[in-house]
Full PDB file with SEQRES, HELIX, SHEET, SSBOND, CRYST1, ORIGX, SCALE, CONECT and MASTER records, all heavy atoms in Angstrom:
SEQRES   1 A   40  PHE ILE ILE LEU ARG PRO ILE LYS LYS TYR GLY GLN THR          
SEQRES   2 A   40  PRO GLY LYS LYS ILE LEU LYS LEU LYS ILE LEU ASN ASP          
SEQRES   3 A   40  ASP PHE VAL VAL ASN PHE SER TRP TRP GLN ILE ILE PHE          
SEQRES   4 A   40  ARG                                                          
HELIX    1 AA1 LEU A    4  TYR A   10  1                                   7    
HELIX    2 AA2 PRO A   14  ILE A   18  1                                   5    
HELIX    3 AA3 TRP A   34  PHE A   39  1                                   6    
CRYST1    1.000    1.000    1.000  90.00  90.00  90.00 P 1           1          
ORIGX1      1.000000  0.000000  0.000000        0.00000                         
ORIGX2      0.000000  1.000000  0.000000        0.00000                         
ORIGX3      0.000000  0.000000  1.000000        0.00000                         
SCALE1      1.000000  0.000000  0.000000        0.00000                         
SCALE2      0.000000  1.000000  0.000000        0.00000                         
SCALE3      0.000000  0.000000  1.000000        0.00000                         
ATOM      1  N   PHE A   1       0.451   3.942  11.516  1.00  0.00           N  
ATOM      2  CA  PHE A   1      -0.792   3.243  11.578  1.00  0.00           C  
ATOM      3  C   PHE A   1      -1.805   3.712  10.465  1.00  0.00           C  
ATOM      4  O   PHE A   1      -2.709   2.909  10.157  1.00  0.00           O  
ATOM      5  CB  PHE A   1      -1.451   3.357  12.932  1.00  0.00           C  
ATOM      6  CG  PHE A   1      -0.842   2.402  13.882  1.00  0.00           C  
ATOM      7  CD1 PHE A   1      -0.034   2.933  14.911  1.00  0.00           C  
ATOM      8  CD2 PHE A   1      -1.023   1.039  13.920  1.00  0.00           C  
ATOM      9  CE1 PHE A   1       0.642   2.097  15.855  1.00  0.00           C  
ATOM     10  CE2 PHE A   1      -0.414   0.160  14.804  1.00  0.00           C  
ATOM     11  CZ  PHE A   1       0.407   0.686  15.706  1.00  0.00           C  
ATOM     12  N   ILE A   2      -1.674   4.913   9.984  1.00  0.00           N  
ATOM     13  CA  ILE A   2      -2.679   5.359   8.954  1.00  0.00           C  
ATOM     14  C   ILE A   2      -2.207   5.182   7.568  1.00  0.00           C  
ATOM     15  O   ILE A   2      -2.968   4.910   6.697  1.00  0.00           O  
ATOM     16  CB  ILE A   2      -3.013   6.847   9.285  1.00  0.00           C  
ATOM     17  CG1 ILE A   2      -3.826   6.888  10.605  1.00  0.00           C  
ATOM     18  CG2 ILE A   2      -3.824   7.439   8.202  1.00  0.00           C  
ATOM     19  CD1 ILE A   2      -3.880   8.332  11.140  1.00  0.00           C  
ATOM     20  N   ILE A   3      -0.828   5.304   7.309  1.00  0.00           N  
ATOM     21  CA  ILE A   3      -0.390   5.229   5.989  1.00  0.00           C  
ATOM     22  C   ILE A   3       0.445   4.023   5.693  1.00  0.00           C  
ATOM     23  O   ILE A   3       0.137   3.126   4.831  1.00  0.00           O  
ATOM     24  CB  ILE A   3       0.464   6.530   5.637  1.00  0.00           C  
ATOM     25  CG1 ILE A   3      -0.422   7.761   5.809  1.00  0.00           C  
ATOM     26  CG2 ILE A   3       1.013   6.408   4.178  1.00  0.00           C  
ATOM     27  CD1 ILE A   3      -1.523   7.915   4.934  1.00  0.00           C  
ATOM     28  N   LEU A   4       1.603   3.827   6.486  1.00  0.00           N  
ATOM     29  CA  LEU A   4       2.527   2.794   6.120  1.00  0.00           C  
ATOM     30  C   LEU A   4       1.999   1.386   6.335  1.00  0.00           C  
ATOM     31  O   LEU A   4       2.180   0.498   5.491  1.00  0.00           O  
ATOM     32  CB  LEU A   4       3.801   3.047   6.969  1.00  0.00           C  
ATOM     33  CG  LEU A   4       4.461   4.387   6.820  1.00  0.00           C  
ATOM     34  CD1 LEU A   4       5.681   4.502   7.740  1.00  0.00           C  
ATOM     35  CD2 LEU A   4       4.858   4.589   5.370  1.00  0.00           C  
ATOM     36  N   ARG A   5       1.456   1.072   7.511  1.00  0.00           N  
ATOM     37  CA  ARG A   5       1.055  -0.293   7.770  1.00  0.00           C  
ATOM     38  C   ARG A   5      -0.123  -0.699   6.884  1.00  0.00           C  
ATOM     39  O   ARG A   5      -0.147  -1.870   6.344  1.00  0.00           O  
ATOM     40  CB  ARG A   5       0.616  -0.383   9.278  1.00  0.00           C  
ATOM     41  CG  ARG A   5       0.268  -1.841   9.709  1.00  0.00           C  
ATOM     42  CD  ARG A   5       0.096  -1.911  11.199  1.00  0.00           C  
ATOM     43  NE  ARG A   5      -0.160  -3.264  11.631  1.00  0.00           N  
ATOM     44  CZ  ARG A   5      -1.447  -3.715  11.745  1.00  0.00           C  
ATOM     45  NH1 ARG A   5      -2.525  -2.963  11.485  1.00  0.00           N  
ATOM     46  NH2 ARG A   5      -1.618  -4.978  12.143  1.00  0.00           N  
ATOM     47  N   PRO A   6      -1.137   0.136   6.597  1.00  0.00           N  
ATOM     48  CA  PRO A   6      -2.145  -0.304   5.707  1.00  0.00           C  
ATOM     49  C   PRO A   6      -1.704  -0.575   4.317  1.00  0.00           C  
ATOM     50  O   PRO A   6      -2.133  -1.525   3.622  1.00  0.00           O  
ATOM     51  CB  PRO A   6      -3.158   0.857   5.759  1.00  0.00           C  
ATOM     52  CG  PRO A   6      -2.958   1.491   7.004  1.00  0.00           C  
ATOM     53  CD  PRO A   6      -1.562   1.324   7.323  1.00  0.00           C  
ATOM     54  N   ILE A   7      -0.661   0.194   3.867  1.00  0.00           N  
ATOM     55  CA  ILE A   7      -0.088  -0.101   2.526  1.00  0.00           C  
ATOM     56  C   ILE A   7       0.682  -1.430   2.583  1.00  0.00           C  
ATOM     57  O   ILE A   7       0.524  -2.284   1.659  1.00  0.00           O  
ATOM     58  CB  ILE A   7       0.887   0.973   2.071  1.00  0.00           C  
ATOM     59  CG1 ILE A   7       0.159   2.295   1.763  1.00  0.00           C  
ATOM     60  CG2 ILE A   7       1.677   0.581   0.870  1.00  0.00           C  
ATOM     61  CD1 ILE A   7       1.022   3.453   1.498  1.00  0.00           C  
ATOM     62  N   LYS A   8       1.384  -1.706   3.565  1.00  0.00           N  
ATOM     63  CA  LYS A   8       2.133  -3.009   3.738  1.00  0.00           C  
ATOM     64  C   LYS A   8       1.172  -4.189   3.730  1.00  0.00           C  
ATOM     65  O   LYS A   8       1.385  -5.171   3.104  1.00  0.00           O  
ATOM     66  CB  LYS A   8       3.019  -2.902   5.029  1.00  0.00           C  
ATOM     67  CG  LYS A   8       3.706  -4.230   5.310  1.00  0.00           C  
ATOM     68  CD  LYS A   8       4.887  -4.399   4.450  1.00  0.00           C  
ATOM     69  CE  LYS A   8       5.729  -5.560   4.947  1.00  0.00           C  
ATOM     70  NZ  LYS A   8       6.615  -6.068   3.958  1.00  0.00           N  
ATOM     71  N   LYS A   9       0.101  -4.065   4.500  1.00  0.00           N  
ATOM     72  CA  LYS A   9      -0.808  -5.114   4.674  1.00  0.00           C  
ATOM     73  C   LYS A   9      -1.852  -5.286   3.606  1.00  0.00           C  
ATOM     74  O   LYS A   9      -2.094  -6.396   3.159  1.00  0.00           O  
ATOM     75  CB  LYS A   9      -1.494  -4.986   6.035  1.00  0.00           C  
ATOM     76  CG  LYS A   9      -2.193  -6.215   6.520  1.00  0.00           C  
ATOM     77  CD  LYS A   9      -2.566  -6.065   7.992  1.00  0.00           C  
ATOM     78  CE  LYS A   9      -3.181  -7.317   8.483  1.00  0.00           C  
ATOM     79  NZ  LYS A   9      -3.477  -7.336   9.913  1.00  0.00           N  
ATOM     80  N   TYR A  10      -2.386  -4.194   3.133  1.00  0.00           N  
ATOM     81  CA  TYR A  10      -3.516  -4.255   2.185  1.00  0.00           C  
ATOM     82  C   TYR A  10      -3.252  -3.608   0.855  1.00  0.00           C  
ATOM     83  O   TYR A  10      -4.149  -3.690  -0.025  1.00  0.00           O  
ATOM     84  CB  TYR A  10      -4.770  -3.634   2.830  1.00  0.00           C  
ATOM     85  CG  TYR A  10      -5.124  -4.148   4.103  1.00  0.00           C  
ATOM     86  CD1 TYR A  10      -4.963  -3.344   5.366  1.00  0.00           C  
ATOM     87  CD2 TYR A  10      -5.617  -5.443   4.360  1.00  0.00           C  
ATOM     88  CE1 TYR A  10      -5.256  -3.881   6.550  1.00  0.00           C  
ATOM     89  CE2 TYR A  10      -6.001  -5.911   5.559  1.00  0.00           C  
ATOM     90  CZ  TYR A  10      -5.744  -5.147   6.667  1.00  0.00           C  
ATOM     91  OH  TYR A  10      -6.134  -5.661   7.917  1.00  0.00           O  
ATOM     92  N   GLY A  11      -2.227  -2.808   0.740  1.00  0.00           N  
ATOM     93  CA  GLY A  11      -2.015  -2.024  -0.435  1.00  0.00           C  
ATOM     94  C   GLY A  11      -2.896  -0.785  -0.566  1.00  0.00           C  
ATOM     95  O   GLY A  11      -3.064  -0.208  -1.592  1.00  0.00           O  
ATOM     96  N   GLN A  12      -3.454  -0.460   0.598  1.00  0.00           N  
ATOM     97  CA  GLN A  12      -4.432   0.741   0.554  1.00  0.00           C  
ATOM     98  C   GLN A  12      -4.281   1.592   1.788  1.00  0.00           C  
ATOM     99  O   GLN A  12      -4.155   1.030   2.980  1.00  0.00           O  
ATOM    100  CB  GLN A  12      -5.888   0.200   0.554  1.00  0.00           C  
ATOM    101  CG  GLN A  12      -6.248  -0.548  -0.635  1.00  0.00           C  
ATOM    102  CD  GLN A  12      -7.660  -1.175  -0.514  1.00  0.00           C  
ATOM    103  OE1 GLN A  12      -7.991  -1.963   0.324  1.00  0.00           O  
ATOM    104  NE2 GLN A  12      -8.492  -0.643  -1.432  1.00  0.00           N  
ATOM    105  N   THR A  13      -4.319   2.883   1.604  1.00  0.00           N  
ATOM    106  CA  THR A  13      -4.433   3.794   2.714  1.00  0.00           C  
ATOM    107  C   THR A  13      -5.945   3.983   2.896  1.00  0.00           C  
ATOM    108  O   THR A  13      -6.706   3.557   2.092  1.00  0.00           O  
ATOM    109  CB  THR A  13      -3.760   5.156   2.366  1.00  0.00           C  
ATOM    110  OG1 THR A  13      -4.474   5.602   1.127  1.00  0.00           O  
ATOM    111  CG2 THR A  13      -2.275   5.022   2.023  1.00  0.00           C  
ATOM    112  N   PRO A  14      -6.365   4.695   4.027  1.00  0.00           N  
ATOM    113  CA  PRO A  14      -7.769   4.887   4.175  1.00  0.00           C  
ATOM    114  C   PRO A  14      -8.437   5.620   2.997  1.00  0.00           C  
ATOM    115  O   PRO A  14      -9.538   5.249   2.477  1.00  0.00           O  
ATOM    116  CB  PRO A  14      -7.854   5.723   5.483  1.00  0.00           C  
ATOM    117  CG  PRO A  14      -6.580   5.422   6.194  1.00  0.00           C  
ATOM    118  CD  PRO A  14      -5.578   5.149   5.163  1.00  0.00           C  
ATOM    119  N   GLY A  15      -7.788   6.585   2.398  1.00  0.00           N  
ATOM    120  CA  GLY A  15      -8.308   7.342   1.218  1.00  0.00           C  
ATOM    121  C   GLY A  15      -8.436   6.470   0.053  1.00  0.00           C  
ATOM    122  O   GLY A  15      -9.404   6.467  -0.675  1.00  0.00           O  
ATOM    123  N   LYS A  16      -7.449   5.527  -0.180  1.00  0.00           N  
ATOM    124  CA  LYS A  16      -7.518   4.686  -1.287  1.00  0.00           C  
ATOM    125  C   LYS A  16      -8.636   3.607  -1.091  1.00  0.00           C  
ATOM    126  O   LYS A  16      -9.279   3.172  -2.002  1.00  0.00           O  
ATOM    127  CB  LYS A  16      -6.164   3.988  -1.545  1.00  0.00           C  
ATOM    128  CG  LYS A  16      -5.192   4.966  -2.193  1.00  0.00           C  
ATOM    129  CD  LYS A  16      -3.851   4.313  -2.488  1.00  0.00           C  
ATOM    130  CE  LYS A  16      -2.986   5.153  -3.205  1.00  0.00           C  
ATOM    131  NZ  LYS A  16      -2.889   6.574  -2.813  1.00  0.00           N  
ATOM    132  N   LYS A  17      -8.769   3.158   0.113  1.00  0.00           N  
ATOM    133  CA  LYS A  17      -9.853   2.152   0.476  1.00  0.00           C  
ATOM    134  C   LYS A  17     -11.219   2.737   0.188  1.00  0.00           C  
ATOM    135  O   LYS A  17     -12.070   2.175  -0.400  1.00  0.00           O  
ATOM    136  CB  LYS A  17      -9.727   1.663   1.875  1.00  0.00           C  
ATOM    137  CG  LYS A  17     -10.625   0.604   2.184  1.00  0.00           C  
ATOM    138  CD  LYS A  17     -10.347  -0.038   3.577  1.00  0.00           C  
ATOM    139  CE  LYS A  17     -11.230  -1.163   3.907  1.00  0.00           C  
ATOM    140  NZ  LYS A  17     -10.848  -2.370   3.297  1.00  0.00           N  
ATOM    141  N   ILE A  18     -11.463   4.005   0.636  1.00  0.00           N  
ATOM    142  CA  ILE A  18     -12.779   4.644   0.446  1.00  0.00           C  
ATOM    143  C   ILE A  18     -13.003   4.796  -1.063  1.00  0.00           C  
ATOM    144  O   ILE A  18     -14.163   4.590  -1.475  1.00  0.00           O  
ATOM    145  CB  ILE A  18     -12.709   6.108   1.142  1.00  0.00           C  
ATOM    146  CG1 ILE A  18     -12.751   5.863   2.657  1.00  0.00           C  
ATOM    147  CG2 ILE A  18     -13.904   6.917   0.712  1.00  0.00           C  
ATOM    148  CD1 ILE A  18     -12.380   7.143   3.459  1.00  0.00           C  
ATOM    149  N   LEU A  19     -12.007   5.167  -1.798  1.00  0.00           N  
ATOM    150  CA  LEU A  19     -12.188   5.439  -3.259  1.00  0.00           C  
ATOM    151  C   LEU A  19     -11.878   4.201  -4.146  1.00  0.00           C  
ATOM    152  O   LEU A  19     -11.868   4.216  -5.410  1.00  0.00           O  
ATOM    153  CB  LEU A  19     -11.290   6.591  -3.688  1.00  0.00           C  
ATOM    154  CG  LEU A  19     -11.657   7.926  -3.056  1.00  0.00           C  
ATOM    155  CD1 LEU A  19     -10.605   8.964  -3.369  1.00  0.00           C  
ATOM    156  CD2 LEU A  19     -13.027   8.353  -3.485  1.00  0.00           C  
ATOM    157  N   LYS A  20     -11.728   3.058  -3.462  1.00  0.00           N  
ATOM    158  CA  LYS A  20     -11.516   1.773  -4.250  1.00  0.00           C  
ATOM    159  C   LYS A  20     -10.304   1.803  -5.085  1.00  0.00           C  
ATOM    160  O   LYS A  20     -10.415   1.398  -6.218  1.00  0.00           O  
ATOM    161  CB  LYS A  20     -12.815   1.357  -4.967  1.00  0.00           C  
ATOM    162  CG  LYS A  20     -13.971   1.102  -4.004  1.00  0.00           C  
ATOM    163  CD  LYS A  20     -15.057   0.364  -4.681  1.00  0.00           C  
ATOM    164  CE  LYS A  20     -16.253   0.005  -3.813  1.00  0.00           C  
ATOM    165  NZ  LYS A  20     -16.012  -0.902  -2.781  1.00  0.00           N  
ATOM    166  N   LEU A  21      -9.181   2.211  -4.519  1.00  0.00           N  
ATOM    167  CA  LEU A  21      -7.917   2.134  -5.259  1.00  0.00           C  
ATOM    168  C   LEU A  21      -6.981   1.191  -4.444  1.00  0.00           C  
ATOM    169  O   LEU A  21      -7.203   0.955  -3.262  1.00  0.00           O  
ATOM    170  CB  LEU A  21      -7.299   3.519  -5.241  1.00  0.00           C  
ATOM    171  CG  LEU A  21      -7.983   4.647  -6.032  1.00  0.00           C  
ATOM    172  CD1 LEU A  21      -7.311   6.005  -5.831  1.00  0.00           C  
ATOM    173  CD2 LEU A  21      -7.981   4.325  -7.548  1.00  0.00           C  
ATOM    174  N   LYS A  22      -5.970   0.710  -5.153  1.00  0.00           N  
ATOM    175  CA  LYS A  22      -5.105  -0.243  -4.535  1.00  0.00           C  
ATOM    176  C   LYS A  22      -3.663   0.038  -5.106  1.00  0.00           C  
ATOM    177  O   LYS A  22      -3.496   0.156  -6.307  1.00  0.00           O  
ATOM    178  CB  LYS A  22      -5.482  -1.636  -4.686  1.00  0.00           C  
ATOM    179  CG  LYS A  22      -4.747  -2.634  -3.931  1.00  0.00           C  
ATOM    180  CD  LYS A  22      -5.442  -3.991  -4.081  1.00  0.00           C  
ATOM    181  CE  LYS A  22      -4.967  -4.926  -2.895  1.00  0.00           C  
ATOM    182  NZ  LYS A  22      -6.043  -5.149  -1.940  1.00  0.00           N  
ATOM    183  N   ILE A  23      -2.640  -0.069  -4.239  1.00  0.00           N  
ATOM    184  CA  ILE A  23      -1.280   0.163  -4.742  1.00  0.00           C  
ATOM    185  C   ILE A  23      -0.707  -1.319  -4.933  1.00  0.00           C  
ATOM    186  O   ILE A  23      -0.888  -2.133  -3.966  1.00  0.00           O  
ATOM    187  CB  ILE A  23      -0.370   0.819  -3.710  1.00  0.00           C  
ATOM    188  CG1 ILE A  23      -0.922   2.263  -3.418  1.00  0.00           C  
ATOM    189  CG2 ILE A  23       1.065   1.004  -4.225  1.00  0.00           C  
ATOM    190  CD1 ILE A  23      -0.351   2.935  -2.227  1.00  0.00           C  
ATOM    191  N   LEU A  24      -0.075  -1.614  -6.001  1.00  0.00           N  
ATOM    192  CA  LEU A  24       0.517  -2.891  -6.276  1.00  0.00           C  
ATOM    193  C   LEU A  24       1.971  -2.699  -6.720  1.00  0.00           C  
ATOM    194  O   LEU A  24       2.361  -1.648  -7.248  1.00  0.00           O  
ATOM    195  CB  LEU A  24      -0.308  -3.590  -7.417  1.00  0.00           C  
ATOM    196  CG  LEU A  24      -1.726  -3.782  -7.239  1.00  0.00           C  
ATOM    197  CD1 LEU A  24      -2.432  -4.258  -8.517  1.00  0.00           C  
ATOM    198  CD2 LEU A  24      -2.066  -4.744  -6.107  1.00  0.00           C  
ATOM    199  N   ASN A  25       2.711  -3.859  -6.651  1.00  0.00           N  
ATOM    200  CA  ASN A  25       4.035  -3.822  -7.274  1.00  0.00           C  
ATOM    201  C   ASN A  25       3.865  -4.011  -8.773  1.00  0.00           C  
ATOM    202  O   ASN A  25       2.777  -4.290  -9.266  1.00  0.00           O  
ATOM    203  CB  ASN A  25       4.817  -4.992  -6.714  1.00  0.00           C  
ATOM    204  CG  ASN A  25       5.535  -4.651  -5.440  1.00  0.00           C  
ATOM    205  OD1 ASN A  25       6.015  -3.494  -5.246  1.00  0.00           O  
ATOM    206  ND2 ASN A  25       5.675  -5.673  -4.545  1.00  0.00           N  
ATOM    207  N   ASP A  26       4.952  -3.901  -9.516  1.00  0.00           N  
ATOM    208  CA  ASP A  26       4.871  -4.087 -10.923  1.00  0.00           C  
ATOM    209  C   ASP A  26       4.400  -5.419 -11.398  1.00  0.00           C  
ATOM    210  O   ASP A  26       3.850  -5.505 -12.490  1.00  0.00           O  
ATOM    211  CB  ASP A  26       6.317  -3.865 -11.613  1.00  0.00           C  
ATOM    212  CG  ASP A  26       6.629  -2.363 -11.739  1.00  0.00           C  
ATOM    213  OD1 ASP A  26       5.598  -1.568 -11.849  1.00  0.00           O  
ATOM    214  OD2 ASP A  26       7.793  -2.042 -11.872  1.00  0.00           O  
ATOM    215  N   ASP A  27       4.525  -6.461 -10.514  1.00  0.00           N  
ATOM    216  CA  ASP A  27       4.013  -7.767 -10.858  1.00  0.00           C  
ATOM    217  C   ASP A  27       2.587  -7.929 -10.371  1.00  0.00           C  
ATOM    218  O   ASP A  27       2.102  -9.115 -10.249  1.00  0.00           O  
ATOM    219  CB  ASP A  27       4.921  -8.847 -10.369  1.00  0.00           C  
ATOM    220  CG  ASP A  27       5.184  -8.754  -8.888  1.00  0.00           C  
ATOM    221  OD1 ASP A  27       4.694  -7.837  -8.266  1.00  0.00           O  
ATOM    222  OD2 ASP A  27       5.866  -9.614  -8.356  1.00  0.00           O  
ATOM    223  N   PHE A  28       1.864  -6.857 -10.014  1.00  0.00           N  
ATOM    224  CA  PHE A  28       0.456  -6.850  -9.748  1.00  0.00           C  
ATOM    225  C   PHE A  28       0.063  -7.659  -8.418  1.00  0.00           C  
ATOM    226  O   PHE A  28      -0.947  -8.308  -8.385  1.00  0.00           O  
ATOM    227  CB  PHE A  28      -0.408  -7.440 -10.879  1.00  0.00           C  
ATOM    228  CG  PHE A  28      -0.421  -6.579 -12.118  1.00  0.00           C  
ATOM    229  CD1 PHE A  28       0.459  -6.879 -13.187  1.00  0.00           C  
ATOM    230  CD2 PHE A  28      -1.151  -5.402 -12.251  1.00  0.00           C  
ATOM    231  CE1 PHE A  28       0.502  -6.068 -14.277  1.00  0.00           C  
ATOM    232  CE2 PHE A  28      -1.154  -4.622 -13.342  1.00  0.00           C  
ATOM    233  CZ  PHE A  28      -0.281  -4.954 -14.391  1.00  0.00           C  
ATOM    234  N   VAL A  29       0.972  -7.600  -7.433  1.00  0.00           N  
ATOM    235  CA  VAL A  29       0.696  -8.176  -6.098  1.00  0.00           C  
ATOM    236  C   VAL A  29       1.005  -7.141  -5.097  1.00  0.00           C  
ATOM    237  O   VAL A  29       1.742  -6.191  -5.302  1.00  0.00           O  
ATOM    238  CB  VAL A  29       1.536  -9.439  -5.847  1.00  0.00           C  
ATOM    239  CG1 VAL A  29       1.162 -10.574  -6.870  1.00  0.00           C  
ATOM    240  CG2 VAL A  29       3.016  -9.149  -5.952  1.00  0.00           C  
ATOM    241  N   VAL A  30       0.350  -7.282  -3.906  1.00  0.00           N  
ATOM    242  CA  VAL A  30       0.677  -6.490  -2.742  1.00  0.00           C  
ATOM    243  C   VAL A  30       1.780  -7.187  -1.974  1.00  0.00           C  
ATOM    244  O   VAL A  30       1.513  -8.109  -1.164  1.00  0.00           O  
ATOM    245  CB  VAL A  30      -0.556  -6.290  -1.845  1.00  0.00           C  
ATOM    246  CG1 VAL A  30      -0.116  -5.423  -0.647  1.00  0.00           C  
ATOM    247  CG2 VAL A  30      -1.637  -5.573  -2.599  1.00  0.00           C  
ATOM    248  N   ASN A  31       3.004  -6.877  -2.229  1.00  0.00           N  
ATOM    249  CA  ASN A  31       4.114  -7.444  -1.509  1.00  0.00           C  
ATOM    250  C   ASN A  31       5.266  -6.480  -1.491  1.00  0.00           C  
ATOM    251  O   ASN A  31       6.201  -6.476  -2.257  1.00  0.00           O  
ATOM    252  CB  ASN A  31       4.573  -8.771  -2.199  1.00  0.00           C  
ATOM    253  CG  ASN A  31       5.693  -9.473  -1.492  1.00  0.00           C  
ATOM    254  OD1 ASN A  31       5.890  -9.199  -0.248  1.00  0.00           O  
ATOM    255  ND2 ASN A  31       6.388 -10.330  -2.176  1.00  0.00           N  
ATOM    256  N   PHE A  32       5.175  -5.547  -0.514  1.00  0.00           N  
ATOM    257  CA  PHE A  32       6.075  -4.413  -0.399  1.00  0.00           C  
ATOM    258  C   PHE A  32       7.081  -4.671   0.731  1.00  0.00           C  
ATOM    259  O   PHE A  32       6.778  -5.190   1.750  1.00  0.00           O  
ATOM    260  CB  PHE A  32       5.382  -3.094  -0.147  1.00  0.00           C  
ATOM    261  CG  PHE A  32       4.339  -2.771  -1.127  1.00  0.00           C  
ATOM    262  CD1 PHE A  32       2.960  -2.932  -0.838  1.00  0.00           C  
ATOM    263  CD2 PHE A  32       4.597  -2.314  -2.442  1.00  0.00           C  
ATOM    264  CE1 PHE A  32       1.986  -2.581  -1.695  1.00  0.00           C  
ATOM    265  CE2 PHE A  32       3.698  -2.005  -3.361  1.00  0.00           C  
ATOM    266  CZ  PHE A  32       2.385  -2.098  -2.974  1.00  0.00           C  
ATOM    267  N   SER A  33       8.308  -4.194   0.507  1.00  0.00           N  
ATOM    268  CA  SER A  33       9.280  -4.171   1.616  1.00  0.00           C  
ATOM    269  C   SER A  33       8.942  -2.857   2.400  1.00  0.00           C  
ATOM    270  O   SER A  33       8.452  -1.872   1.785  1.00  0.00           O  
ATOM    271  CB  SER A  33      10.703  -4.137   1.042  1.00  0.00           C  
ATOM    272  OG  SER A  33      10.967  -2.950   0.443  1.00  0.00           O  
ATOM    273  N   TRP A  34       9.350  -2.774   3.581  1.00  0.00           N  
ATOM    274  CA  TRP A  34       9.195  -1.537   4.403  1.00  0.00           C  
ATOM    275  C   TRP A  34       9.916  -0.409   3.744  1.00  0.00           C  
ATOM    276  O   TRP A  34       9.504   0.763   3.752  1.00  0.00           O  
ATOM    277  CB  TRP A  34       9.698  -1.755   5.883  1.00  0.00           C  
ATOM    278  CG  TRP A  34       8.673  -2.480   6.651  1.00  0.00           C  
ATOM    279  CD1 TRP A  34       8.693  -3.762   7.086  1.00  0.00           C  
ATOM    280  CD2 TRP A  34       7.374  -2.023   7.005  1.00  0.00           C  
ATOM    281  NE1 TRP A  34       7.541  -4.138   7.785  1.00  0.00           N  
ATOM    282  CE2 TRP A  34       6.747  -3.077   7.722  1.00  0.00           C  
ATOM    283  CE3 TRP A  34       6.622  -0.869   6.819  1.00  0.00           C  
ATOM    284  CZ2 TRP A  34       5.426  -2.907   8.233  1.00  0.00           C  
ATOM    285  CZ3 TRP A  34       5.382  -0.669   7.357  1.00  0.00           C  
ATOM    286  CH2 TRP A  34       4.748  -1.642   8.079  1.00  0.00           C  
ATOM    287  N   TRP A  35      11.205  -0.675   3.306  1.00  0.00           N  
ATOM    288  CA  TRP A  35      11.936   0.389   2.626  1.00  0.00           C  
ATOM    289  C   TRP A  35      11.233   0.891   1.400  1.00  0.00           C  
ATOM    290  O   TRP A  35      11.308   2.152   1.085  1.00  0.00           O  
ATOM    291  CB  TRP A  35      13.326  -0.079   2.348  1.00  0.00           C  
ATOM    292  CG  TRP A  35      14.089  -0.281   3.558  1.00  0.00           C  
ATOM    293  CD1 TRP A  35      14.604  -1.489   4.027  1.00  0.00           C  
ATOM    294  CD2 TRP A  35      14.499   0.700   4.528  1.00  0.00           C  
ATOM    295  NE1 TRP A  35      15.267  -1.291   5.261  1.00  0.00           N  
ATOM    296  CE2 TRP A  35      15.180  -0.015   5.595  1.00  0.00           C  
ATOM    297  CE3 TRP A  35      14.268   2.044   4.691  1.00  0.00           C  
ATOM    298  CZ2 TRP A  35      15.696   0.655   6.709  1.00  0.00           C  
ATOM    299  CZ3 TRP A  35      14.840   2.704   5.804  1.00  0.00           C  
ATOM    300  CH2 TRP A  35      15.522   2.017   6.758  1.00  0.00           C  
ATOM    301  N   GLN A  36      10.612   0.092   0.651  1.00  0.00           N  
ATOM    302  CA  GLN A  36       9.873   0.510  -0.588  1.00  0.00           C  
ATOM    303  C   GLN A  36       8.768   1.424  -0.192  1.00  0.00           C  
ATOM    304  O   GLN A  36       8.527   2.453  -0.819  1.00  0.00           O  
ATOM    305  CB  GLN A  36       9.434  -0.797  -1.295  1.00  0.00           C  
ATOM    306  CG  GLN A  36       8.729  -0.477  -2.671  1.00  0.00           C  
ATOM    307  CD  GLN A  36       8.273  -1.775  -3.289  1.00  0.00           C  
ATOM    308  OE1 GLN A  36       8.091  -2.790  -2.661  1.00  0.00           O  
ATOM    309  NE2 GLN A  36       7.986  -1.716  -4.591  1.00  0.00           N  
ATOM    310  N   ILE A  37       8.021   1.042   0.804  1.00  0.00           N  
ATOM    311  CA  ILE A  37       6.850   1.845   1.205  1.00  0.00           C  
ATOM    312  C   ILE A  37       7.321   3.205   1.770  1.00  0.00           C  
ATOM    313  O   ILE A  37       6.785   4.240   1.396  1.00  0.00           O  
ATOM    314  CB  ILE A  37       6.068   1.127   2.341  1.00  0.00           C  
ATOM    315  CG1 ILE A  37       5.490  -0.146   1.780  1.00  0.00           C  
ATOM    316  CG2 ILE A  37       4.970   2.032   2.868  1.00  0.00           C  
ATOM    317  CD1 ILE A  37       4.859  -1.053   2.840  1.00  0.00           C  
ATOM    318  N   ILE A  38       8.321   3.199   2.688  1.00  0.00           N  
ATOM    319  CA  ILE A  38       8.806   4.444   3.234  1.00  0.00           C  
ATOM    320  C   ILE A  38       9.398   5.270   2.192  1.00  0.00           C  
ATOM    321  O   ILE A  38       9.130   6.571   2.155  1.00  0.00           O  
ATOM    322  CB  ILE A  38       9.873   4.115   4.363  1.00  0.00           C  
ATOM    323  CG1 ILE A  38       9.123   3.496   5.510  1.00  0.00           C  
ATOM    324  CG2 ILE A  38      10.603   5.412   4.765  1.00  0.00           C  
ATOM    325  CD1 ILE A  38      10.012   2.853   6.607  1.00  0.00           C  
ATOM    326  N   PHE A  39      10.224   4.748   1.266  1.00  0.00           N  
ATOM    327  CA  PHE A  39      10.763   5.623   0.232  1.00  0.00           C  
ATOM    328  C   PHE A  39       9.697   6.150  -0.724  1.00  0.00           C  
ATOM    329  O   PHE A  39       9.702   7.315  -1.091  1.00  0.00           O  
ATOM    330  CB  PHE A  39      11.801   4.767  -0.621  1.00  0.00           C  
ATOM    331  CG  PHE A  39      12.599   5.566  -1.536  1.00  0.00           C  
ATOM    332  CD1 PHE A  39      13.630   6.308  -1.114  1.00  0.00           C  
ATOM    333  CD2 PHE A  39      12.230   5.571  -2.839  1.00  0.00           C  
ATOM    334  CE1 PHE A  39      14.350   7.180  -2.029  1.00  0.00           C  
ATOM    335  CE2 PHE A  39      12.968   6.377  -3.825  1.00  0.00           C  
ATOM    336  CZ  PHE A  39      14.017   7.181  -3.387  1.00  0.00           C  
ATOM    337  N   ARG A  40       8.699   5.324  -1.052  1.00  0.00           N  
ATOM    338  CA  ARG A  40       7.657   5.801  -1.958  1.00  0.00           C  
ATOM    339  C   ARG A  40       6.835   6.928  -1.302  1.00  0.00           C  
ATOM    340  O   ARG A  40       6.483   7.973  -1.941  1.00  0.00           O  
ATOM    341  CB  ARG A  40       6.703   4.629  -2.267  1.00  0.00           C  
ATOM    342  CG  ARG A  40       5.533   5.052  -3.205  1.00  0.00           C  
ATOM    343  CD  ARG A  40       4.557   3.859  -3.437  1.00  0.00           C  
ATOM    344  NE  ARG A  40       3.693   4.089  -4.492  1.00  0.00           N  
ATOM    345  CZ  ARG A  40       2.485   4.774  -4.424  1.00  0.00           C  
ATOM    346  NH1 ARG A  40       2.136   5.240  -3.324  1.00  0.00           N  
ATOM    347  NH2 ARG A  40       1.761   4.957  -5.519  1.00  0.00           N  
TER     348      ARG A  40                                                      
MASTER        0    0    0    3    0    0    0    6  347    1    0    4          
END                                                                             
């Protein structure tokens, strides 16, 4: 609930949201598979 789901849904963990950062795929979209998030 703190790390994996927020990345999947928003591309941001709480720390990234506070600091205005976002995780994206190489094609500049938030569209991660669960395995990609867990592995990362």
